[in-house]
Every structure is written in C-alpha cells, then in structure tokens.
PDB file of N, CA and C in Angstrom:
ATOM      1  N   MET A   1      98.161 118.553-145.932  1.00  0.00           N
ATOM      2  CA  MET A   1      99.396 119.317-145.967  1.00  0.00           C
ATOM      3  C   MET A   1     100.452 118.456-146.672  1.00  0.00           C
ATOM      4  N   SER A   2     101.153 119.058-147.610  1.00  0.00           N
ATOM      5  CA  SER A   2     102.152 118.306-148.361  1.00  0.00           C
ATOM      6  C   SER A   2     103.394 118.038-147.509  1.00  0.00           C
ATOM      7  N   GLU A   3     104.173 117.072-147.934  1.00  0.00           N
ATOM      8  CA  GLU A   3     105.397 116.697-147.214  1.00  0.00           C
ATOM      9  C   GLU A   3     106.382 117.863-147.177  1.00  0.00           C
ATOM     10  N   LYS A   4     106.497 118.580-148.298  1.00  0.00           N
ATOM     11  CA  LYS A   4     107.418 119.726-148.341  1.00  0.00           C
ATOM     12  C   LYS A   4     106.992 120.816-147.359  1.00  0.00           C
ATOM     13  N   THR A   5     105.689 121.051-147.265  1.00  0.00           N
ATOM     14  CA  THR A   5     105.169 122.063-146.342  1.00  0.00           C
ATOM     15  C   THR A   5     105.460 121.669-144.903  1.00  0.00           C
ATOM     16  N   LYS A   6     105.266 120.400-144.562  1.00  0.00           N
ATOM     17  CA  LYS A   6     105.545 119.923-143.207  1.00  0.00           C
ATOM     18  C   LYS A   6     107.022 120.080-142.866  1.00  0.00           C
ATOM     19  N   LYS A   7     107.877 119.685-143.796  1.00  0.00           N
ATOM     20  CA  LYS A   7     109.318 119.814-143.552  1.00  0.00           C
ATOM     21  C   LYS A   7     109.723 121.268-143.384  1.00  0.00           C
ATOM     22  N   PHE A   8     109.129 122.141-144.203  1.00  0.00           N
ATOM     23  CA  PHE A   8     109.427 123.563-144.094  1.00  0.00           C
ATOM     24  C   PHE A   8     108.983 124.113-142.746  1.00  0.00           C
ATOM     25  N   LYS A   9     107.784 123.729-142.308  1.00  0.00           N
ATOM     26  CA  LYS A   9     107.294 124.190-141.005  1.00  0.00           C
ATOM     27  C   LYS A   9     108.186 123.696-139.869  1.00  0.00           C
ATOM     28  N   LEU A  10     108.577 122.418-139.916  1.00  0.00           N
ATOM     29  CA  LEU A  10     109.455 121.870-138.878  1.00  0.00           C
ATOM     30  C   LEU A  10     110.800 122.600-138.856  1.00  0.00           C
ATOM     31  N   GLN A  11     111.349 122.830-140.028  1.00  0.00           N
ATOM     32  CA  GLN A  11     112.627 123.518-140.107  1.00  0.00           C
ATOM     33  C   GLN A  11     112.502 124.962-139.625  1.00  0.00           C
ATOM     34  N   SER A  12     111.398 125.618-139.963  1.00  0.00           N
ATOM     35  CA  SER A  12     111.170 126.994-139.523  1.00  0.00           C
ATOM     36  C   SER A  12     111.041 127.064-138.012  1.00  0.00           C
ATOM     37  N   ILE A  13     110.307 126.121-137.433  1.00  0.00           N
ATOM     38  CA  ILE A  13     110.135 126.077-135.976  1.00  0.00           C
ATOM     39  C   ILE A  13     111.483 125.863-135.300  1.00  0.00           C
ATOM     40  N   ASP A  14     112.269 124.929-135.806  1.00  0.00           N
ATOM     41  CA  ASP A  14     113.592 124.663-135.235  1.00  0.00           C
ATOM     42  C   ASP A  14     114.483 125.905-135.304  1.00  0.00           C
ATOM     43  N   THR A  15     114.502 126.536-136.459  1.00  0.00           N
ATOM     44  CA  THR A  15     115.364 127.701-136.650  1.00  0.00           C
ATOM     45  C   THR A  15     114.927 128.859-135.766  1.00  0.00           C
ATOM     46  N   PHE A  16     113.628 129.130-135.734  1.00  0.00           N
ATOM     47  CA  PHE A  16     113.107 130.235-134.934  1.00  0.00           C
ATOM     48  C   PHE A  16     113.390 130.020-133.448  1.00  0.00           C
ATOM     49  N   SER A  17     113.142 128.801-132.965  1.00  0.00           N
ATOM     50  CA  SER A  17     113.389 128.537-131.545  1.00  0.00           C
ATOM     51  C   SER A  17     114.875 128.628-131.227  1.00  0.00           C
ATOM     52  N   THR A  18     115.727 128.192-132.133  1.00  0.00           N
ATOM     53  CA  THR A  18     117.173 128.289-131.922  1.00  0.00           C
ATOM     54  C   THR A  18     117.613 129.747-131.830  1.00  0.00           C
ATOM     55  N   LEU A  19     117.069 130.596-132.700  1.00  0.00           N
ATOM     56  CA  LEU A  19     117.417 132.017-132.665  1.00  0.00           C
ATOM     57  C   LEU A  19     116.981 132.675-131.358  1.00  0.00           C
ATOM     58  N   ILE A  20     115.777 132.376-130.913  1.00  0.00           N
ATOM     59  CA  ILE A  20     115.285 132.963-129.660  1.00  0.00           C
ATOM     60  C   ILE A  20     116.104 132.466-128.474  1.00  0.00           C
ATOM     61  N   LEU A  21     116.393 131.178-128.444  1.00  0.00           N
ATOM     62  CA  LEU A  21     117.186 130.626-127.349  1.00  0.00           C
ATOM     63  C   LEU A  21     118.597 131.210-127.344  1.00  0.00           C
ATOM     64  N   SER A  22     119.143 131.426-128.509  1.00  0.00           N
ATOM     65  CA  SER A  22     120.465 132.046-128.601  1.00  0.00           C
ATOM     66  C   SER A  22     120.435 133.472-128.061  1.00  0.00           C
ATOM     67  N   ALA A  23     119.373 134.196-128.372  1.00  0.00           N
ATOM     68  CA  ALA A  23     119.251 135.573-127.886  1.00  0.00           C
ATOM     69  C   ALA A  23     119.164 135.601-126.360  1.00  0.00           C
ATOM     70  N   PHE A  24     118.359 134.718-125.769  1.00  0.00           N
ATOM     71  CA  PHE A  24     118.267 134.667-124.310  1.00  0.00           C
ATOM     72  C   PHE A  24     119.593 134.245-123.684  1.00  0.00           C
ATOM     73  N   SER A  25     120.284 133.332-124.327  1.00  0.00           N
ATOM     74  CA  SER A  25     121.596 132.916-123.821  1.00  0.00           C
ATOM     75  C   SER A  25     122.576 134.087-123.835  1.00  0.00           C
ATOM     76  N   LEU A  26     122.524 134.877-124.884  1.00  0.00           N
ATOM     77  CA  LEU A  26     123.395 136.047-124.972  1.00  0.00           C
ATOM     78  C   LEU A  26     123.075 137.047-123.866  1.00  0.00           C
ATOM     79  N   VAL A  27     121.799 137.293-123.615  1.00  0.00           N
ATOM     80  CA  VAL A  27     121.405 138.222-122.554  1.00  0.00           C
ATOM     81  C   VAL A  27     121.895 137.726-121.193  1.00  0.00           C
ATOM     82  N   ALA A  28     121.726 136.423-120.934  1.00  0.00           N
ATOM     83  CA  ALA A  28     122.191 135.867-119.657  1.00  0.00           C
ATOM     84  C   ALA A  28     123.707 135.971-119.547  1.00  0.00           C
ATOM     85  N   ALA A  29     124.416 135.691-120.638  1.00  0.00           N
ATOM     86  CA  ALA A  29     125.881 135.782-120.624  1.00  0.00           C
ATOM     87  C   ALA A  29     126.332 137.222-120.379  1.00  0.00           C
ATOM     88  N   LEU A  30     125.685 138.161-121.016  1.00  0.00           N
ATOM     89  CA  LEU A  30     126.047 139.569-120.811  1.00  0.00           C
ATOM     90  C   LEU A  30     125.754 140.019-119.374  1.00  0.00           C
ATOM     91  N   ALA A  31     124.653 139.531-118.816  1.00  0.00           N
ATOM     92  CA  ALA A  31     124.326 139.877-117.425  1.00  0.00           C
ATOM     93  C   ALA A  31     125.396 139.347-116.476  1.00  0.00           C
ATOM     94  N   TRP A  32     125.803 138.091-116.674  1.00  0.00           N
ATOM     95  CA  TRP A  32     126.845 137.521-115.833  1.00  0.00           C
ATOM     96  C   TRP A  32     128.181 138.220-116.053  1.00  0.00           C
ATOM     97  N   ASN A  33     128.442 138.605-117.275  1.00  0.00           N
ATOM     98  CA  ASN A  33     129.670 139.338-117.569  1.00  0.00           C
ATOM     99  C   ASN A  33     129.734 140.626-116.750  1.00  0.00           C
ATOM    100  N   GLU A  34     128.644 141.377-116.767  1.00  0.00           N
ATOM    101  CA  GLU A  34     128.609 142.628-116.003  1.00  0.00           C
ATOM    102  C   GLU A  34     128.708 142.375-114.501  1.00  0.00           C
ATOM    103  N   ALA A  35     128.027 141.322-114.028  1.00  0.00           N
ATOM    104  CA  ALA A  35     128.068 141.019-112.601  1.00  0.00           C
ATOM    105  C   ALA A  35     129.480 140.646-112.158  1.00  0.00           C
ATOM    106  N   ILE A  36     130.142 139.840-112.939  1.00  0.00           N
ATOM    107  CA  ILE A  36     131.497 139.410-112.587  1.00  0.00           C
ATOM    108  C   ILE A  36     132.463 140.597-112.668  1.00  0.00           C
ATOM    109  N   LYS A  37     132.314 141.426-113.699  1.00  0.00           N
ATOM    110  CA  LYS A  37     133.166 142.611-113.802  1.00  0.00           C
ATOM    111  C   LYS A  37     132.965 143.528-112.604  1.00  0.00           C
ATOM    112  N   SER A  38     131.728 143.696-112.205  1.00  0.00           N
ATOM    113  CA  SER A  38     131.435 144.553-111.061  1.00  0.00           C
ATOM    114  C   SER A  38     131.986 143.963-109.767  1.00  0.00           C
ATOM    115  N   LEU A  39     131.845 142.658-109.610  1.00  0.00           N
ATOM    116  CA  LEU A  39     132.354 141.988-108.417  1.00  0.00           C
ATOM    117  C   LEU A  39     133.863 142.132-108.318  1.00  0.00           C
ATOM    118  N   ILE A  40     134.544 141.920-109.417  1.00  0.00           N
ATOM    119  CA  ILE A  40     135.999 142.069-109.442  1.00  0.00           C
ATOM    120  C   ILE A  40     136.383 143.516-109.166  1.00  0.00           C
ATOM    121  N   GLY A  41     135.655 144.440-109.779  1.00  0.00           N
ATOM    122  CA  GLY A  41     135.916 145.864-109.549  1.00  0.00           C
ATOM    123  C   GLY A  41     135.716 146.271-108.101  1.00  0.00           C
ATOM    124  N   GLN A  42     134.799 145.591-107.409  1.00  0.00           N
ATOM    125  CA  GLN A  42     134.535 145.888-106.000  1.00  0.00           C
ATOM    126  C   GLN A  42     135.768 145.600-105.143  1.00  0.00           C
ATOM    127  N   PHE A  43     136.480 144.570-105.469  1.00  0.00           N
ATOM    128  CA  PHE A  43     137.640 144.190-104.671  1.00  0.00           C
ATOM    129  C   PHE A  43     138.918 144.899-105.112  1.00  0.00           C
ATOM    130  N   LEU A  44     138.942 145.351-106.349  1.00  0.00           N
ATOM    131  CA  LEU A  44     140.142 146.014-106.849  1.00  0.00           C
ATOM    132  C   LEU A  44     140.081 147.529-106.720  1.00  0.00           C
ATOM    133  N   SER A  45     138.884 148.085-106.781  1.00  0.00           N
ATOM    134  CA  SER A  45     138.713 149.538-106.638  1.00  0.00           C
ATOM    135  C   SER A  45     137.263 149.810-106.299  1.00  0.00           C
ATOM    136  N   ALA A  46     136.951 151.070-106.138  1.00  0.00           N
ATOM    137  CA  ALA A  46     135.563 151.447-105.869  1.00  0.00           C
ATOM    138  C   ALA A  46     134.752 151.174-107.134  1.00  0.00           C
ATOM    139  N   GLY A  47     133.948 150.129-107.095  1.00  0.00           N
ATOM    140  CA  GLY A  47     133.220 149.710-108.298  1.00  0.00           C
ATOM    141  C   GLY A  47     131.741 150.004-108.219  1.00  0.00           C
ATOM    142  N   ASP A  48     131.019 149.376-109.129  1.00  0.00           N
ATOM    143  CA  ASP A  48     129.574 149.520-109.198  1.00  0.00           C
ATOM    144  C   ASP A  48     128.907 148.746-108.072  1.00  0.00           C
ATOM    145  N   ASP A  49     127.616 148.808-108.037  1.00  0.00           N
ATOM    146  CA  ASP A  49     126.839 148.051-107.064  1.00  0.00           C
ATOM    147  C   ASP A  49     126.821 146.584-107.507  1.00  0.00           C
ATOM    148  N   TRP A  50     127.793 145.809-107.064  1.00  0.00           N
ATOM    149  CA  TRP A  50     127.942 144.440-107.542  1.00  0.00           C
ATOM    150  C   TRP A  50     126.820 143.530-107.076  1.00  0.00           C
ATOM    151  N   ILE A  51     126.271 143.789-105.928  1.00  0.00           N
ATOM    152  CA  ILE A  51     125.161 142.951-105.454  1.00  0.00           C
ATOM    153  C   ILE A  51     123.964 143.086-106.394  1.00  0.00           C
ATOM    154  N   GLY A  52     123.695 144.298-106.809  1.00  0.00           N
ATOM    155  CA  GLY A  52     122.609 144.519-107.760  1.00  0.00           C
ATOM    156  C   GLY A  52     122.862 143.825-109.082  1.00  0.00           C
ATOM    157  N   MET A  53     124.117 143.854-109.530  1.00  0.00           N
ATOM    158  CA  MET A  53     124.465 143.195-110.783  1.00  0.00           C
ATOM    159  C   MET A  53     124.308 141.679-110.683  1.00  0.00           C
ATOM    160  N   VAL A  54     124.703 141.108-109.559  1.00  0.00           N
ATOM    161  CA  VAL A  54     124.573 139.663-109.367  1.00  0.00           C
ATOM    162  C   VAL A  54     123.092 139.281-109.312  1.00  0.00           C
ATOM    163  N   ILE A  55     122.302 140.061-108.595  1.00  0.00           N
ATOM    164  CA  ILE A  55     120.864 139.795-108.534  1.00  0.00           C
ATOM    165  C   ILE A  55     120.262 139.887-109.935  1.00  0.00           C
ATOM    166  N   TYR A  56     120.659 140.886-110.691  1.00  0.00           N
ATOM    167  CA  TYR A  56     120.193 141.034-112.072  1.00  0.00           C
ATOM    168  C   TYR A  56     120.565 139.806-112.899  1.00  0.00           C
ATOM    169  N   ALA A  57     121.797 139.359-112.782  1.00  0.00           N
ATOM    170  CA  ALA A  57     122.254 138.195-113.546  1.00  0.00           C
ATOM    171  C   ALA A  57     121.462 136.944-113.169  1.00  0.00           C
ATOM    172  N   ILE A  58     121.182 136.769-111.885  1.00  0.00           N
ATOM    173  CA  ILE A  58     120.405 135.617-111.432  1.00  0.00           C
ATOM    174  C   ILE A  58     118.989 135.670-111.996  1.00  0.00           C
ATOM    175  N   ILE A  59     118.370 136.843-111.935  1.00  0.00           N
ATOM    176  CA  ILE A  59     117.010 137.000-112.454  1.00  0.00           C
ATOM    177  C   ILE A  59     116.960 136.720-113.954  1.00  0.00           C
ATOM    178  N   VAL A  60     117.914 137.274-114.696  1.00  0.00           N
ATOM    179  CA  VAL A  60     117.938 137.058-116.148  1.00  0.00           C
ATOM    180  C   VAL A  60     118.173 135.589-116.463  1.00  0.00           C
ATOM    181  N   THR A  61     119.040 134.938-115.714  1.00  0.00           N
ATOM    182  CA  THR A  61     119.311 133.518-115.945  1.00  0.00           C
ATOM    183  C   THR A  61     118.073 132.679-115.664  1.00  0.00           C
ATOM    184  N   ILE A  62     117.396 132.945-114.572  1.00  0.00           N
ATOM    185  CA  ILE A  62     116.178 132.201-114.238  1.00  0.00           C
ATOM    186  C   ILE A  62     115.116 132.416-115.319  1.00  0.00           C
ATOM    187  N   LEU A  63     114.952 133.656-115.753  1.00  0.00           N
ATOM    188  CA  LEU A  63     114.000 133.944-116.817  1.00  0.00           C
ATOM    189  C   LEU A  63     114.366 133.200-118.096  1.00  0.00           C
ATOM    190  N   ALA A  64     115.641 133.195-118.429  1.00  0.00           N
ATOM    191  CA  ALA A  64     116.097 132.498-119.636  1.00  0.00           C
ATOM    192  C   ALA A  64     115.811 131.004-119.533  1.00  0.00           C
ATOM    193  N   VAL A  65     116.062 130.404-118.381  1.00  0.00           N
ATOM    194  CA  VAL A  65     115.802 128.974-118.201  1.00  0.00           C
ATOM    195  C   VAL A  65     114.313 128.679-118.342  1.00  0.00           C
ATOM    196  N   ILE A  66     113.474 129.509-117.747  1.00  0.00           N
ATOM    197  CA  ILE A  66     112.027 129.309-117.847  1.00  0.00           C
ATOM    198  C   ILE A  66     111.564 129.404-119.301  1.00  0.00           C
ATOM    199  N   VAL A  67     112.046 130.415-120.000  1.00  0.00           N
ATOM    200  CA  VAL A  67     111.664 130.582-121.408  1.00  0.00           C
ATOM    201  C   VAL A  67     112.179 129.417-122.249  1.00  0.00           C
ATOM    202  N   ILE A  68     113.398 128.986-122.005  1.00  0.00           N
ATOM    203  CA  ILE A  68     113.965 127.864-122.755  1.00  0.00           C
ATOM    204  C   ILE A  68     113.142 126.600-122.534  1.00  0.00           C
ATOM    205  N   LEU A  69     112.795 126.309-121.292  1.00  0.00           N
ATOM    206  CA  LEU A  69     111.995 125.113-121.009  1.00  0.00           C
ATOM    207  C   LEU A  69     110.613 125.202-121.652  1.00  0.00           C
ATOM    208  N   ALA A  70     109.990 126.373-121.569  1.00  0.00           N
ATOM    209  CA  ALA A  70     108.666 126.550-122.170  1.00  0.00           C
ATOM    210  C   ALA A  70     108.730 126.417-123.691  1.00  0.00           C
ATOM    211  N   MET A  71     109.741 127.018-124.289  1.00  0.00           N
ATOM    212  CA  MET A  71     109.872 126.940-125.745  1.00  0.00           C
ATOM    213  C   MET A  71     110.166 125.516-126.197  1.00  0.00           C
ATOM    214  N   ASN A  72     111.026 124.818-125.487  1.00  0.00           N
ATOM    215  CA  ASN A  72     111.327 123.433-125.843  1.00  0.00           C
ATOM    216  C   ASN A  72     110.073 122.564-125.770  1.00  0.00           C
ATOM    217  N   ALA A  73     109.240 122.800-124.751  1.00  0.00           N
ATOM    218  CA  ALA A  73     107.992 122.039-124.626  1.00  0.00           C
ATOM    219  C   ALA A  73     107.062 122.346-125.793  1.00  0.00           C
ATOM    220  N   GLN A  74     106.947 123.622-126.157  1.00  0.00           N
ATOM    221  CA  GLN A  74     106.079 124.000-127.270  1.00  0.00           C
ATOM    222  C   GLN A  74     106.592 123.450-128.597  1.00  0.00           C
ATOM    223  N   VAL A  75     107.896 123.504-128.799  1.00  0.00           N
ATOM    224  CA  VAL A  75     108.477 122.975-130.041  1.00  0.00           C
ATOM    225  C   VAL A  75     108.235 121.472-130.128  1.00  0.00           C
ATOM    226  N   ALA A  76     108.411 120.763-129.026  1.00  0.00           N
ATOM    227  CA  ALA A  76     108.170 119.318-129.018  1.00  0.00           C
ATOM    228  C   ALA A  76     106.707 119.018-129.332  1.00  0.00           C
ATOM    229  N   LYS A  77     105.799 119.832-128.771  1.00  0.00           N
ATOM    230  CA  LYS A  77     104.379 119.642-129.030  1.00  0.00           C
ATOM    231  C   LYS A  77     104.041 119.909-130.499  1.00  0.00           C
ATOM    232  N   LEU A  78     104.608 120.968-131.062  1.00  0.00           N
ATOM    233  CA  LEU A  78     104.371 121.287-132.471  1.00  0.00           C
ATOM    234  C   LEU A  78     104.930 120.197-133.385  1.00  0.00           C
ATOM    235  N   LYS A  79     106.132 119.737-133.066  1.00  0.00           N
ATOM    236  CA  LYS A  79     106.726 118.655-133.868  1.00  0.00           C
ATOM    237  C   LYS A  79     105.885 117.402-133.827  1.00  0.00           C
ATOM    238  N   ALA A  80     105.441 117.047-132.633  1.00  0.00           N
ATOM    239  CA  ALA A  80     104.603 115.847-132.482  1.00  0.00           C
ATOM    240  C   ALA A  80     103.311 115.988-133.272  1.00  0.00           C
ATOM    241  N   GLY A  81     102.713 117.172-133.240  1.00  0.00           N
ATOM    242  CA  GLY A  81     101.490 117.414-133.995  1.00  0.00           C
ATOM    243  C   GLY A  81     101.715 117.326-135.485  1.00  0.00           C
ATOM    244  N   LEU A  82     102.810 117.868-135.961  1.00  0.00           N
ATOM    245  CA  LEU A  82     103.113 117.808-137.390  1.00  0.00           C
ATOM    246  C   LEU A  82     103.464 116.393-137.823  1.00  0.00           C
ATOM    247  N   GLU A  83     104.155 115.655-136.961  1.00  0.00           N
ATOM    248  CA  GLU A  83     104.529 114.290-137.309  1.00  0.00           C
ATOM    249  C   GLU A  83     103.303 113.360-137.275  1.00  0.00           C
ATOM    250  N   ASP A  84     102.336 113.668-136.403  1.00  0.00           N
ATOM    251  CA  ASP A  84     101.118 112.864-136.343  1.00  0.00           C
ATOM    252  C   ASP A  84     100.259 113.027-137.591  1.00  0.00           C
ATOM    253  N   ASP A  85     100.385 114.187-138.248  1.00  0.00           N
ATOM    254  CA  ASP A  85      99.620 114.454-139.478  1.00  0.00           C
ATOM    255  C   ASP A  85     100.092 113.603-140.639  1.00  0.00           C
ATOM    256  N   GLU A  86     101.265 113.013-140.523  1.00  0.00           N
ATOM    257  CA  GLU A  86     101.819 112.199-141.615  1.00  0.00           C
ATOM    258  C   GLU A  86     101.044 110.985-141.789  1.00  0.00           C
TER     259      GLU A  86
END
C-alpha cells in the first residue's frame, strides 16, 4: 500500500468517525433539550410527560457514550494496523 493511500485511509477514518460522533452528540443534545424544556414546562404550566423525556435523554446519552467508546476503540485499532504496515 502506498504512503498516499495510507494517509488517505487514515484521514477518511478520522473524518468519518468525527461525523458519526458529531451526529450522536447532536441527538443526545436534542434529547436533553427536550427533557429540560419539558421539565421546566412541568413547573410553569401543564407540560409534557417530563419523566419520559428525561428517561429518553438518559437512554440516548448512554447509547451515544457506548457508540463513541466503541468507535474510538475501532479507530485506534485501524490506525495501529495502518501504521504497522509502514
């Protein structure tokens, strides 16, 4: 494998993992946004089911953390494999 190909693969892996992690971060942020809005609405007026929203936000956050850790491990493994080929 040529040096340019290795660099391209490493850069592609970094970019792809960053995009996926950003997407999961956005989903977790939106979940917390809705949960907090619902919680505030509960105390200010008759709001949504805030407990359900908080549970949803917790589940999405836990899922995001698991995916982030798994992806980081895979990216590190791929990088190590590509660097060992040098």
